[in-house]
Amino acid sequence: MSIHYEQQNYPSGTILIRDFEGNVEVEDIIESWKFLLTNNMLGENVLGVINNICACNLRMDMNSFQYLIAYLKTEDAFKRIRLAVICEDPKKIIFPSMGEFIQDLQIKPFTTYDAAVDWIIKQ
């Protein structure tokens, strides 16, 4: 598993982009969030994070999804920013689709990068 990080700056703030590749487990996702927090990469200027999971093999089930959501709810930074997920595979998009209904978090699935950026910027 590997994750490529990139920052895109806009007049209203920054969007962090994470491209996932290879086999991805929920523990990998949580560790990557911890990395961002530890390295102060989710500061006040960050509007949201685009998580591109198109090129990865997402190994997630309902139990691991609930574990991920429970973790995200423990950190105030995730309640402040928008979390966009880019995916075209119906087997993977189910989890970010369910995330839309989670209180205290702003999660939304997209099939294009541009749509994800628009949603994050138009808060």
PDB file of N, CA and C in Angstrom:
ATOM      1  N   MET A   1       0.843  -1.175   0.000  1.00  0.00           N
ATOM      2  CA  MET A   1       0.000   0.000   0.000  1.00  0.00           C
ATOM      3  C   MET A   1       0.882   1.229   0.000  1.00  0.00           C
ATOM      4  N   SER A   2       0.487   2.211  -0.785  1.00  0.00           N
ATOM      5  CA  SER A   2       1.171   3.496  -0.734  1.00  0.00           C
ATOM      6  C   SER A   2       0.142   4.607  -0.863  1.00  0.00           C
ATOM      7  N   ILE A   3       0.510   5.761  -0.306  1.00  0.00           N
ATOM      8  CA  ILE A   3      -0.344   6.942  -0.367  1.00  0.00           C
ATOM      9  C   ILE A   3       0.513   8.092  -0.855  1.00  0.00           C
ATOM     10  N   HIS A   4       0.035   8.765  -1.884  1.00  0.00           N
ATOM     11  CA  HIS A   4       0.706   9.957  -2.396  1.00  0.00           C
ATOM     12  C   HIS A   4      -0.082  11.176  -1.915  1.00  0.00           C
ATOM     13  N   TYR A   5       0.622  12.121  -1.326  1.00  0.00           N
ATOM     14  CA  TYR A   5      -0.006  13.338  -0.788  1.00  0.00           C
ATOM     15  C   TYR A   5       0.321  14.525  -1.681  1.00  0.00           C
ATOM     16  N   GLU A   6      -0.661  15.395  -1.841  1.00  0.00           N
ATOM     17  CA  GLU A   6      -0.463  16.632  -2.601  1.00  0.00           C
ATOM     18  C   GLU A   6      -1.366  17.702  -2.004  1.00  0.00           C
ATOM     19  N   GLN A   7      -0.911  18.944  -2.023  1.00  0.00           N
ATOM     20  CA  GLN A   7      -1.739  20.059  -1.561  1.00  0.00           C
ATOM     21  C   GLN A   7      -2.066  20.962  -2.746  1.00  0.00           C
ATOM     22  N   GLN A   8      -3.323  21.367  -2.826  1.00  0.00           N
ATOM     23  CA  GLN A   8      -3.758  22.331  -3.830  1.00  0.00           C
ATOM     24  C   GLN A   8      -4.248  23.559  -3.077  1.00  0.00           C
ATOM     25  N   ASN A   9      -3.693  24.709  -3.423  1.00  0.00           N
ATOM     26  CA  ASN A   9      -4.079  25.949  -2.752  1.00  0.00           C
ATOM     27  C   ASN A   9      -5.079  26.726  -3.594  1.00  0.00           C
ATOM     28  N   TYR A  10      -6.097  27.234  -2.922  1.00  0.00           N
ATOM     29  CA  TYR A  10      -7.151  28.028  -3.536  1.00  0.00           C
ATOM     30  C   TYR A  10      -7.284  29.307  -2.719  1.00  0.00           C
ATOM     31  N   PRO A  11      -7.920  30.336  -3.269  1.00  0.00           N
ATOM     32  CA  PRO A  11      -8.065  31.581  -2.507  1.00  0.00           C
ATOM     33  C   PRO A  11      -8.745  31.394  -1.151  1.00  0.00           C
ATOM     34  N   SER A  12      -9.666  30.440  -1.063  1.00  0.00           N
ATOM     35  CA  SER A  12     -10.395  30.229   0.193  1.00  0.00           C
ATOM     36  C   SER A  12      -9.681  29.286   1.156  1.00  0.00           C
ATOM     37  N   GLY A  13      -8.660  28.572   0.686  1.00  0.00           N
ATOM     38  CA  GLY A  13      -7.935  27.654   1.564  1.00  0.00           C
ATOM     39  C   GLY A  13      -7.283  26.525   0.790  1.00  0.00           C
ATOM     40  N   THR A  14      -6.833  25.528   1.521  1.00  0.00           N
ATOM     41  CA  THR A  14      -6.081  24.422   0.946  1.00  0.00           C
ATOM     42  C   THR A  14      -6.916  23.143   0.935  1.00  0.00           C
ATOM     43  N   ILE A  15      -6.722  22.358  -0.113  1.00  0.00           N
ATOM     44  CA  ILE A  15      -7.298  21.021  -0.189  1.00  0.00           C
ATOM     45  C   ILE A  15      -6.138  20.033  -0.235  1.00  0.00           C
ATOM     46  N   LEU A  16      -6.188  19.052   0.632  1.00  0.00           N
ATOM     47  CA  LEU A  16      -5.183  17.997   0.647  1.00  0.00           C
ATOM     48  C   LEU A  16      -5.720  16.831  -0.171  1.00  0.00           C
ATOM     49  N   ILE A  17      -4.880  16.274  -1.027  1.00  0.00           N
ATOM     50  CA  ILE A  17      -5.274  15.151  -1.876  1.00  0.00           C
ATOM     51  C   ILE A  17      -4.451  13.937  -1.473  1.00  0.00           C
ATOM     52  N   ARG A  18      -5.148  12.822  -1.305  1.00  0.00           N
ATOM     53  CA  ARG A  18      -4.479  11.560  -0.977  1.00  0.00           C
ATOM     54  C   ARG A  18      -4.876  10.530  -2.031  1.00  0.00           C
ATOM     55  N   ASP A  19      -3.881  10.006  -2.747  1.00  0.00           N
ATOM     56  CA  ASP A  19      -4.109   8.956  -3.736  1.00  0.00           C
ATOM     57  C   ASP A  19      -3.631   7.634  -3.149  1.00  0.00           C
ATOM     58  N   PHE A  20      -4.549   6.704  -2.995  1.00  0.00           N
ATOM     59  CA  PHE A  20      -4.239   5.391  -2.430  1.00  0.00           C
ATOM     60  C   PHE A  20      -3.967   4.391  -3.547  1.00  0.00           C
ATOM     61  N   GLU A  21      -2.956   3.532  -3.340  1.00  0.00           N
ATOM     62  CA  GLU A  21      -2.632   2.477  -4.300  1.00  0.00           C
ATOM     63  C   GLU A  21      -2.361   1.178  -3.551  1.00  0.00           C
ATOM     64  N   GLY A  22      -2.587   0.071  -4.225  1.00  0.00           N
ATOM     65  CA  GLY A  22      -2.315  -1.232  -3.621  1.00  0.00           C
ATOM     66  C   GLY A  22      -3.442  -1.682  -2.710  1.00  0.00           C
ATOM     67  N   ASN A  23      -3.141  -2.647  -1.857  1.00  0.00           N
ATOM     68  CA  ASN A  23      -4.117  -3.167  -0.899  1.00  0.00           C
ATOM     69  C   ASN A  23      -4.216  -2.220   0.285  1.00  0.00           C
ATOM     70  N   VAL A  24      -5.430  -1.765   0.590  1.00  0.00           N
ATOM     71  CA  VAL A  24      -5.643  -0.796   1.661  1.00  0.00           C
ATOM     72  C   VAL A  24      -6.600  -1.375   2.697  1.00  0.00           C
ATOM     73  N   GLU A  25      -6.110  -1.472   3.922  1.00  0.00           N
ATOM     74  CA  GLU A  25      -6.909  -1.922   5.063  1.00  0.00           C
ATOM     75  C   GLU A  25      -7.318  -0.697   5.885  1.00  0.00           C
ATOM     76  N   VAL A  26      -8.303  -0.837   6.735  1.00  0.00           N
ATOM     77  CA  VAL A  26      -8.752   0.282   7.563  1.00  0.00           C
ATOM     78  C   VAL A  26      -7.623   0.791   8.468  1.00  0.00           C
ATOM     79  N   GLU A  27      -6.771  -0.106   8.934  1.00  0.00           N
ATOM     80  CA  GLU A  27      -5.643   0.311   9.778  1.00  0.00           C
ATOM     81  C   GLU A  27      -4.706   1.246   9.017  1.00  0.00           C
ATOM     82  N   ASP A  28      -4.538   1.001   7.701  1.00  0.00           N
ATOM     83  CA  ASP A  28      -3.707   1.868   6.866  1.00  0.00           C
ATOM     84  C   ASP A  28      -4.318   3.267   6.778  1.00  0.00           C
ATOM     85  N   ILE A  29      -5.623   3.314   6.630  1.00  0.00           N
ATOM     86  CA  ILE A  29      -6.313   4.600   6.525  1.00  0.00           C
ATOM     87  C   ILE A  29      -6.180   5.379   7.831  1.00  0.00           C
ATOM     88  N   ILE A  30      -6.388   4.717   8.942  1.00  0.00           N
ATOM     89  CA  ILE A  30      -6.272   5.385  10.240  1.00  0.00           C
ATOM     90  C   ILE A  30      -4.847   5.859  10.479  1.00  0.00           C
ATOM     91  N   GLU A  31      -3.862   5.039  10.154  1.00  0.00           N
ATOM     92  CA  GLU A  31      -2.466   5.449  10.323  1.00  0.00           C
ATOM     93  C   GLU A  31      -2.140   6.661   9.449  1.00  0.00           C
ATOM     94  N   SER A  32      -2.714   6.732   8.264  1.00  0.00           N
ATOM     95  CA  SER A  32      -2.453   7.897   7.404  1.00  0.00           C
ATOM     96  C   SER A  32      -3.097   9.156   7.979  1.00  0.00           C
ATOM     97  N   TRP A  33      -4.263   9.022   8.594  1.00  0.00           N
ATOM     98  CA  TRP A  33      -4.884  10.175   9.264  1.00  0.00           C
ATOM     99  C   TRP A  33      -4.022  10.618  10.451  1.00  0.00           C
ATOM    100  N   LYS A  34      -3.529   9.664  11.210  1.00  0.00           N
ATOM    101  CA  LYS A  34      -2.656  10.002  12.344  1.00  0.00           C
ATOM    102  C   LYS A  34      -1.390  10.709  11.860  1.00  0.00           C
ATOM    103  N   PHE A  35      -0.839  10.267  10.739  1.00  0.00           N
ATOM    104  CA  PHE A  35       0.331  10.921  10.148  1.00  0.00           C
ATOM    105  C   PHE A  35       0.027  12.385   9.828  1.00  0.00           C
ATOM    106  N   LEU A  36      -1.129  12.642   9.232  1.00  0.00           N
ATOM    107  CA  LEU A  36      -1.513  14.020   8.889  1.00  0.00           C
ATOM    108  C   LEU A  36      -1.666  14.875  10.142  1.00  0.00           C
ATOM    109  N   LEU A  37      -2.269  14.322  11.164  1.00  0.00           N
ATOM    110  CA  LEU A  37      -2.454  15.074  12.410  1.00  0.00           C
ATOM    111  C   LEU A  37      -1.118  15.341  13.094  1.00  0.00           C
ATOM    112  N   THR A  38      -0.280  14.337  13.189  1.00  0.00           N
ATOM    113  CA  THR A  38       1.021  14.470  13.843  1.00  0.00           C
ATOM    114  C   THR A  38       1.903  15.504  13.147  1.00  0.00           C
ATOM    115  N   ASN A  39       1.791  15.569  11.825  1.00  0.00           N
ATOM    116  CA  ASN A  39       2.620  16.484  11.045  1.00  0.00           C
ATOM    117  C   ASN A  39       1.924  17.811  10.742  1.00  0.00           C
ATOM    118  N   ASN A  40       0.861  18.093  11.496  1.00  0.00           N
ATOM    119  CA  ASN A  40       0.123  19.369  11.369  1.00  0.00           C
ATOM    120  C   ASN A  40      -0.274  19.693   9.936  1.00  0.00           C
ATOM    121  N   MET A  41      -0.724  18.688   9.217  1.00  0.00           N
ATOM    122  CA  MET A  41      -1.124  18.879   7.827  1.00  0.00           C
ATOM    123  C   MET A  41      -2.623  19.154   7.677  1.00  0.00           C
ATOM    124  N   LEU A  42      -3.337  19.247   8.804  1.00  0.00           N
ATOM    125  CA  LEU A  42      -4.769  19.541   8.769  1.00  0.00           C
ATOM    126  C   LEU A  42      -5.065  20.820   9.547  1.00  0.00           C
ATOM    127  N   GLY A  43      -4.258  21.850   9.295  1.00  0.00           N
ATOM    128  CA  GLY A  43      -4.408  23.124   9.989  1.00  0.00           C
ATOM    129  C   GLY A  43      -5.684  23.849   9.608  1.00  0.00           C
ATOM    130  N   GLU A  44      -5.879  24.999  10.224  1.00  0.00           N
ATOM    131  CA  GLU A  44      -7.097  25.789  10.019  1.00  0.00           C
ATOM    132  C   GLU A  44      -7.312  26.205   8.565  1.00  0.00           C
ATOM    133  N   ASN A  45      -6.224  26.282   7.776  1.00  0.00           N
ATOM    134  CA  ASN A  45      -6.359  26.692   6.376  1.00  0.00           C
ATOM    135  C   ASN A  45      -6.854  25.563   5.476  1.00  0.00           C
ATOM    136  N   VAL A  46      -6.889  24.326   5.984  1.00  0.00           N
ATOM    137  CA  VAL A  46      -7.331  23.182   5.190  1.00  0.00           C
ATOM    138  C   VAL A  46      -8.858  23.110   5.201  1.00  0.00           C
ATOM    139  N   LEU A  47      -9.429  23.162   4.002  1.00  0.00           N
ATOM    140  CA  LEU A  47     -10.882  23.104   3.843  1.00  0.00           C
ATOM    141  C   LEU A  47     -11.390  21.665   3.800  1.00  0.00           C
ATOM    142  N   GLY A  48     -10.569  20.794   3.221  1.00  0.00           N
ATOM    143  CA  GLY A  48     -11.006  19.422   3.074  1.00  0.00           C
ATOM    144  C   GLY A  48      -9.915  18.535   2.531  1.00  0.00           C
ATOM    145  N   VAL A  49     -10.250  17.251   2.460  1.00  0.00           N
ATOM    146  CA  VAL A  49      -9.323  16.232   1.961  1.00  0.00           C
ATOM    147  C   VAL A  49     -10.051  15.432   0.893  1.00  0.00           C
ATOM    148  N   ILE A  50      -9.384  15.266  -0.251  1.00  0.00           N
ATOM    149  CA  ILE A  50      -9.889  14.392  -1.306  1.00  0.00           C
ATOM    150  C   ILE A  50      -9.134  13.077  -1.195  1.00  0.00           C
ATOM    151  N   ASN A  51      -9.873  12.008  -1.010  1.00  0.00           N
ATOM    152  CA  ASN A  51      -9.304  10.663  -0.887  1.00  0.00           C
ATOM    153  C   ASN A  51      -9.622   9.899  -2.165  1.00  0.00           C
ATOM    154  N   ASN A  52      -8.623   9.691  -3.000  1.00  0.00           N
ATOM    155  CA  ASN A  52      -8.815   8.996  -4.264  1.00  0.00           C
ATOM    156  C   ASN A  52      -8.525   7.513  -4.050  1.00  0.00           C
ATOM    157  N   ILE A  53      -9.580   6.695  -4.088  1.00  0.00           N
ATOM    158  CA  ILE A  53      -9.417   5.263  -3.859  1.00  0.00           C
ATOM    159  C   ILE A  53      -9.635   4.459  -5.144  1.00  0.00           C
ATOM    160  N   CYS A  54      -9.590   5.117  -6.297  1.00  0.00           N
ATOM    161  CA  CYS A  54      -9.824   4.434  -7.576  1.00  0.00           C
ATOM    162  C   CYS A  54      -8.784   3.359  -7.856  1.00  0.00           C
ATOM    163  N   ALA A  55      -7.525   3.624  -7.523  1.00  0.00           N
ATOM    164  CA  ALA A  55      -6.430   2.716  -7.892  1.00  0.00           C
ATOM    165  C   ALA A  55      -6.047   1.736  -6.784  1.00  0.00           C
ATOM    166  N   CYS A  56      -6.866   1.627  -5.767  1.00  0.00           N
ATOM    167  CA  CYS A  56      -6.507   0.721  -4.673  1.00  0.00           C
ATOM    168  C   CYS A  56      -7.502  -0.427  -4.567  1.00  0.00           C
ATOM    169  N   ASN A  57      -7.065  -1.444  -3.859  1.00  0.00           N
ATOM    170  CA  ASN A  57      -7.925  -2.566  -3.515  1.00  0.00           C
ATOM    171  C   ASN A  57      -8.361  -2.342  -2.065  1.00  0.00           C
ATOM    172  N   LEU A  58      -9.533  -1.756  -1.895  1.00  0.00           N
ATOM    173  CA  LEU A  58     -10.031  -1.407  -0.568  1.00  0.00           C
ATOM    174  C   LEU A  58     -10.568  -2.659   0.123  1.00  0.00           C
ATOM    175  N   ARG A  59      -9.926  -3.016   1.225  1.00  0.00           N
ATOM    176  CA  ARG A  59     -10.341  -4.180   2.002  1.00  0.00           C
ATOM    177  C   ARG A  59     -11.094  -3.700   3.232  1.00  0.00           C
ATOM    178  N   MET A  60     -12.391  -3.513   3.037  1.00  0.00           N
ATOM    179  CA  MET A  60     -13.219  -2.958   4.104  1.00  0.00           C
ATOM    180  C   MET A  60     -14.539  -3.708   4.146  1.00  0.00           C
ATOM    181  N   ASP A  61     -15.032  -3.897   5.351  1.00  0.00           N
ATOM    182  CA  ASP A  61     -16.365  -4.453   5.550  1.00  0.00           C
ATOM    183  C   ASP A  61     -17.090  -3.534   6.530  1.00  0.00           C
ATOM    184  N   MET A  62     -18.284  -3.893   6.912  1.00  0.00           N
ATOM    185  CA  MET A  62     -19.068  -3.017   7.791  1.00  0.00           C
ATOM    186  C   MET A  62     -18.385  -2.803   9.140  1.00  0.00           C
ATOM    187  N   ASN A  63     -17.779  -3.829   9.699  1.00  0.00           N
ATOM    188  CA  ASN A  63     -17.106  -3.679  10.993  1.00  0.00           C
ATOM    189  C   ASN A  63     -15.937  -2.708  10.900  1.00  0.00           C
ATOM    190  N   SER A  64     -15.109  -2.851   9.865  1.00  0.00           N
ATOM    191  CA  SER A  64     -13.965  -1.950   9.728  1.00  0.00           C
ATOM    192  C   SER A  64     -14.419  -0.539   9.372  1.00  0.00           C
ATOM    193  N   PHE A  65     -15.510  -0.413   8.616  1.00  0.00           N
ATOM    194  CA  PHE A  65     -16.066   0.906   8.318  1.00  0.00           C
ATOM    195  C   PHE A  65     -16.504   1.602   9.611  1.00  0.00           C
ATOM    196  N   GLN A  66     -17.207   0.890  10.465  1.00  0.00           N
ATOM    197  CA  GLN A  66     -17.662   1.464  11.728  1.00  0.00           C
ATOM    198  C   GLN A  66     -16.473   1.839  12.618  1.00  0.00           C
ATOM    199  N   TYR A  67     -15.425   1.047  12.585  1.00  0.00           N
ATOM    200  CA  TYR A  67     -14.204   1.339  13.337  1.00  0.00           C
ATOM    201  C   TYR A  67     -13.567   2.637  12.830  1.00  0.00           C
ATOM    202  N   LEU A  68     -13.504   2.807  11.507  1.00  0.00           N
ATOM    203  CA  LEU A  68     -12.958   4.026  10.912  1.00  0.00           C
ATOM    204  C   LEU A  68     -13.792   5.243  11.307  1.00  0.00           C
ATOM    205  N   ILE A  69     -15.090   5.147  11.228  1.00  0.00           N
ATOM    206  CA  ILE A  69     -15.970   6.266  11.581  1.00  0.00           C
ATOM    207  C   ILE A  69     -15.802   6.622  13.054  1.00  0.00           C
ATOM    208  N   ALA A  70     -15.721   5.619  13.915  1.00  0.00           N
ATOM    209  CA  ALA A  70     -15.522   5.876  15.348  1.00  0.00           C
ATOM    210  C   ALA A  70     -14.216   6.635  15.562  1.00  0.00           C
ATOM    211  N   TYR A  71     -13.159   6.257  14.844  1.00  0.00           N
ATOM    212  CA  TYR A  71     -11.893   6.982  14.968  1.00  0.00           C
ATOM    213  C   TYR A  71     -12.042   8.430  14.487  1.00  0.00           C
ATOM    214  N   LEU A  72     -12.639   8.629  13.319  1.00  0.00           N
ATOM    215  CA  LEU A  72     -12.789   9.982  12.771  1.00  0.00           C
ATOM    216  C   LEU A  72     -13.556  10.898  13.731  1.00  0.00           C
ATOM    217  N   LYS A  73     -14.519  10.342  14.432  1.00  0.00           N
ATOM    218  CA  LYS A  73     -15.312  11.141  15.366  1.00  0.00           C
ATOM    219  C   LYS A  73     -14.535  11.547  16.618  1.00  0.00           C
ATOM    220  N   THR A  74     -13.383  10.921  16.868  1.00  0.00           N
ATOM    221  CA  THR A  74     -12.608  11.268  18.062  1.00  0.00           C
ATOM    222  C   THR A  74     -11.734  12.499  17.865  1.00  0.00           C
ATOM    223  N   GLU A  75     -11.549  12.928  16.633  1.00  0.00           N
ATOM    224  CA  GLU A  75     -10.665  14.056  16.335  1.00  0.00           C
ATOM    225  C   GLU A  75     -11.476  15.245  15.821  1.00  0.00           C
ATOM    226  N   ASP A  76     -11.351  16.391  16.485  1.00  0.00           N
ATOM    227  CA  ASP A  76     -12.094  17.586  16.090  1.00  0.00           C
ATOM    228  C   ASP A  76     -11.759  18.056  14.684  1.00  0.00           C
ATOM    229  N   ALA A  77     -10.542  17.821  14.223  1.00  0.00           N
ATOM    230  CA  ALA A  77     -10.142  18.259  12.879  1.00  0.00           C
ATOM    231  C   ALA A  77     -11.048  17.665  11.808  1.00  0.00           C
ATOM    232  N   PHE A  78     -11.498  16.439  11.986  1.00  0.00           N
ATOM    233  CA  PHE A  78     -12.324  15.789  10.981  1.00  0.00           C
ATOM    234  C   PHE A  78     -13.764  16.304  10.991  1.00  0.00           C
ATOM    235  N   LYS A  79     -14.161  16.901  12.076  1.00  0.00           N
ATOM    236  CA  LYS A  79     -15.501  17.477  12.157  1.00  0.00           C
ATOM    237  C   LYS A  79     -15.544  18.844  11.474  1.00  0.00           C
ATOM    238  N   ARG A  80     -14.379  19.459  11.320  1.00  0.00           N
ATOM    239  CA  ARG A  80     -14.273  20.800  10.741  1.00  0.00           C
ATOM    240  C   ARG A  80     -14.119  20.785   9.219  1.00  0.00           C
ATOM    241  N   ILE A  81     -13.502  19.745   8.679  1.00  0.00           N
ATOM    242  CA  ILE A  81     -13.206  19.707   7.250  1.00  0.00           C
ATOM    243  C   ILE A  81     -14.147  18.770   6.503  1.00  0.00           C
ATOM    244  N   ARG A  82     -14.160  18.928   5.180  1.00  0.00           N
ATOM    245  CA  ARG A  82     -14.959  18.053   4.330  1.00  0.00           C
ATOM    246  C   ARG A  82     -14.076  16.923   3.802  1.00  0.00           C
ATOM    247  N   LEU A  83     -14.627  15.717   3.802  1.00  0.00           N
ATOM    248  CA  LEU A  83     -13.898  14.533   3.367  1.00  0.00           C
ATOM    249  C   LEU A  83     -14.560  13.973   2.116  1.00  0.00           C
ATOM    250  N   ALA A  84     -13.953  14.250   0.969  1.00  0.00           N
ATOM    251  CA  ALA A  84     -14.463  13.760  -0.307  1.00  0.00           C
ATOM    252  C   ALA A  84     -13.746  12.456  -0.652  1.00  0.00           C
ATOM    253  N   VAL A  85     -14.488  11.525  -1.238  1.00  0.00           N
ATOM    254  CA  VAL A  85     -13.913  10.250  -1.655  1.00  0.00           C
ATOM    255  C   VAL A  85     -14.219  10.065  -3.137  1.00  0.00           C
ATOM    256  N   ILE A  86     -13.153   9.896  -3.927  1.00  0.00           N
ATOM    257  CA  ILE A  86     -13.325   9.664  -5.363  1.00  0.00           C
ATOM    258  C   ILE A  86     -13.228   8.172  -5.619  1.00  0.00           C
ATOM    259  N   CYS A  87     -14.261   7.663  -6.290  1.00  0.00           N
ATOM    260  CA  CYS A  87     -14.330   6.228  -6.556  1.00  0.00           C
ATOM    261  C   CYS A  87     -15.342   5.978  -7.663  1.00  0.00           C
ATOM    262  N   GLU A  88     -15.056   5.012  -8.503  1.00  0.00           N
ATOM    263  CA  GLU A  88     -15.992   4.647  -9.567  1.00  0.00           C
ATOM    264  C   GLU A  88     -16.547   3.241  -9.396  1.00  0.00           C
ATOM    265  N   ASP A  89     -15.967   2.469  -8.490  1.00  0.00           N
ATOM    266  CA  ASP A  89     -16.343   1.076  -8.281  1.00  0.00           C
ATOM    267  C   ASP A  89     -17.520   0.985  -7.306  1.00  0.00           C
ATOM    268  N   PRO A  90     -18.653   0.425  -7.736  1.00  0.00           N
ATOM    269  CA  PRO A  90     -19.813   0.322  -6.841  1.00  0.00           C
ATOM    270  C   PRO A  90     -19.526  -0.446  -5.550  1.00  0.00           C
ATOM    271  N   LYS A  91     -18.571  -1.377  -5.572  1.00  0.00           N
ATOM    272  CA  LYS A  91     -18.251  -2.143  -4.372  1.00  0.00           C
ATOM    273  C   LYS A  91     -17.517  -1.289  -3.337  1.00  0.00           C
ATOM    274  N   LYS A  92     -16.817  -0.260  -3.793  1.00  0.00           N
ATOM    275  CA  LYS A  92     -16.080   0.606  -2.877  1.00  0.00           C
ATOM    276  C   LYS A  92     -16.871   1.860  -2.503  1.00  0.00           C
ATOM    277  N   ILE A  93     -17.724   2.335  -3.396  1.00  0.00           N
ATOM    278  CA  ILE A  93     -18.401   3.610  -3.159  1.00  0.00           C
ATOM    279  C   ILE A  93     -19.491   3.491  -2.093  1.00  0.00           C
ATOM    280  N   ILE A  94     -19.868   2.274  -1.754  1.00  0.00           N
ATOM    281  CA  ILE A  94     -20.907   2.080  -0.737  1.00  0.00           C
ATOM    282  C   ILE A  94     -20.506   2.687   0.605  1.00  0.00           C
ATOM    283  N   PHE A  95     -19.219   2.597   0.966  1.00  0.00           N
ATOM    284  CA  PHE A  95     -18.802   3.099   2.274  1.00  0.00           C
ATOM    285  C   PHE A  95     -18.837   4.624   2.357  1.00  0.00           C
ATOM    286  N   PRO A  96     -18.272   5.363   1.386  1.00  0.00           N
ATOM    287  CA  PRO A  96     -18.428   6.822   1.475  1.00  0.00           C
ATOM    288  C   PRO A  96     -19.885   7.258   1.307  1.00  0.00           C
ATOM    289  N   SER A  97     -20.675   6.473   0.588  1.00  0.00           N
ATOM    290  CA  SER A  97     -22.108   6.800   0.458  1.00  0.00           C
ATOM    291  C   SER A  97     -22.800   6.708   1.805  1.00  0.00           C
ATOM    292  N   MET A  98     -22.463   5.691   2.586  1.00  0.00           N
ATOM    293  CA  MET A  98     -23.032   5.573   3.934  1.00  0.00           C
ATOM    294  C   MET A  98     -22.489   6.676   4.836  1.00  0.00           C
ATOM    295  N   GLY A  99     -21.256   7.102   4.575  1.00  0.00           N
ATOM    296  CA  GLY A  99     -20.640   8.165   5.364  1.00  0.00           C
ATOM    297  C   GLY A  99     -21.377   9.481   5.281  1.00  0.00           C
ATOM    298  N   GLU A 100     -22.119   9.691   4.194  1.00  0.00           N
ATOM    299  CA  GLU A 100     -22.899  10.930   4.045  1.00  0.00           C
ATOM    300  C   GLU A 100     -23.917  11.106   5.159  1.00  0.00           C
ATOM    301  N   PHE A 101     -24.324  10.025   5.766  1.00  0.00           N
ATOM    302  CA  PHE A 101     -25.387  10.069   6.770  1.00  0.00           C
ATOM    303  C   PHE A 101     -24.859  10.052   8.199  1.00  0.00           C
ATOM    304  N   ILE A 102     -23.553  10.145   8.363  1.00  0.00           N
ATOM    305  CA  ILE A 102     -22.939  10.132   9.687  1.00  0.00           C
ATOM    306  C   ILE A 102     -22.965  11.543  10.272  1.00  0.00           C
ATOM    307  N   GLN A 103     -23.590  11.693  11.425  1.00  0.00           N
ATOM    308  CA  GLN A 103     -23.625  12.996  12.087  1.00  0.00           C
ATOM    309  C   GLN A 103     -22.232  13.384  12.546  1.00  0.00           C
ATOM    310  N   ASP A 104     -21.967  14.679  12.546  1.00  0.00           N
ATOM    311  CA  ASP A 104     -20.718  15.275  12.995  1.00  0.00           C
ATOM    312  C   ASP A 104     -19.574  15.147  11.989  1.00  0.00           C
ATOM    313  N   LEU A 105     -19.791  14.458  10.864  1.00  0.00           N
ATOM    314  CA  LEU A 105     -18.771  14.354   9.830  1.00  0.00           C
ATOM    315  C   LEU A 105     -19.368  14.772   8.494  1.00  0.00           C
ATOM    316  N   GLN A 106     -18.524  15.307   7.620  1.00  0.00           N
ATOM    317  CA  GLN A 106     -18.950  15.707   6.285  1.00  0.00           C
ATOM    318  C   GLN A 106     -18.203  14.836   5.281  1.00  0.00           C
ATOM    319  N   ILE A 107     -18.825  13.728   4.887  1.00  0.00           N
ATOM    320  CA  ILE A 107     -18.237  12.772   3.960  1.00  0.00           C
ATOM    321  C   ILE A 107     -19.143  12.673   2.750  1.00  0.00           C
ATOM    322  N   LYS A 108     -18.541  12.654   1.557  1.00  0.00           N
ATOM    323  CA  LYS A 108     -19.357  12.562   0.349  1.00  0.00           C
ATOM    324  C   LYS A 108     -18.562  11.876  -0.764  1.00  0.00           C
ATOM    325  N   PRO A 109     -19.209  10.942  -1.485  1.00  0.00           N
ATOM    326  CA  PRO A 109     -18.530  10.272  -2.598  1.00  0.00           C
ATOM    327  C   PRO A 109     -18.663  11.071  -3.898  1.00  0.00           C
ATOM    328  N   PHE A 110     -17.662  10.926  -4.755  1.00  0.00           N
ATOM    329  CA  PHE A 110     -17.653  11.581  -6.063  1.00  0.00           C
ATOM    330  C   PHE A 110     -17.018  10.648  -7.079  1.00  0.00           C
ATOM    331  N   THR A 111     -17.327  10.879  -8.337  1.00  0.00           N
ATOM    332  CA  THR A 111     -16.674  10.120  -9.396  1.00  0.00           C
ATOM    333  C   THR A 111     -15.629  10.964 -10.117  1.00  0.00           C
ATOM    334  N   THR A 112     -15.598  12.275  -9.871  1.00  0.00           N
ATOM    335  CA  THR A 112     -14.597  13.128 -10.507  1.00  0.00           C
ATOM    336  C   THR A 112     -13.917  14.032  -9.490  1.00  0.00           C
ATOM    337  N   TYR A 113     -12.692  14.347  -9.787  1.00  0.00           N
ATOM    338  CA  TYR A 113     -11.892  15.249  -8.963  1.00  0.00           C
ATOM    339  C   TYR A 113     -12.523  16.644  -8.923  1.00  0.00           C
ATOM    340  N   ASP A 114     -12.943  17.162 -10.084  1.00  0.00           N
ATOM    341  CA  ASP A 114     -13.512  18.515 -10.156  1.00  0.00           C
ATOM    342  C   ASP A 114     -14.759  18.663  -9.293  1.00  0.00           C
ATOM    343  N   ALA A 115     -15.617  17.654  -9.296  1.00  0.00           N
ATOM    344  CA  ALA A 115     -16.829  17.714  -8.470  1.00  0.00           C
ATOM    345  C   ALA A 115     -16.474  17.722  -6.984  1.00  0.00           C
ATOM    346  N   ALA A 116     -15.459  16.961  -6.615  1.00  0.00           N
ATOM    347  CA  ALA A 116     -15.022  16.934  -5.216  1.00  0.00           C
ATOM    348  C   ALA A 116     -14.470  18.285  -4.791  1.00  0.00           C
ATOM    349  N   VAL A 117     -13.665  18.894  -5.636  1.00  0.00           N
ATOM    350  CA  VAL A 117     -13.118  20.225  -5.342  1.00  0.00           C
ATOM    351  C   VAL A 117     -14.230  21.240  -5.189  1.00  0.00           C
ATOM    352  N   ASP A 118     -15.194  21.234  -6.117  1.00  0.00           N
ATOM    353  CA  ASP A 118     -16.316  22.180  -6.027  1.00  0.00           C
ATOM    354  C   ASP A 118     -17.060  22.046  -4.717  1.00  0.00           C
ATOM    355  N   TRP A 119     -17.332  20.832  -4.279  1.00  0.00           N
ATOM    356  CA  TRP A 119     -18.065  20.602  -3.038  1.00  0.00           C
ATOM    357  C   TRP A 119     -17.276  21.118  -1.832  1.00  0.00           C
ATOM    358  N   ILE A 120     -15.974  20.881  -1.824  1.00  0.00           N
ATOM    359  CA  ILE A 120     -15.158  21.318  -0.697  1.00  0.00           C
ATOM    360  C   ILE A 120     -15.078  22.836  -0.647  1.00  0.00           C
ATOM    361  N   ILE A 121     -14.876  23.460  -1.779  1.00  0.00           N
ATOM    362  CA  ILE A 121     -14.699  24.927  -1.811  1.00  0.00           C
ATOM    363  C   ILE A 121     -16.010  25.656  -1.511  1.00  0.00           C
ATOM    364  N   LYS A 122     -17.112  25.129  -1.966  1.00  0.00           N
ATOM    365  CA  LYS A 122     -18.409  25.809  -1.785  1.00  0.00           C
ATOM    366  C   LYS A 122     -19.052  25.406  -0.471  1.00  0.00           C
ATOM    367  N   GLN A 123     -18.370  25.710   0.615  1.00  0.00           N
ATOM    368  CA  GLN A 123     -18.868  25.357   1.947  1.00  0.00           C
ATOM    369  C   GLN A 123     -20.003  26.250   2.361  1.00  0.00           C
TER     370      GLN A 123
END
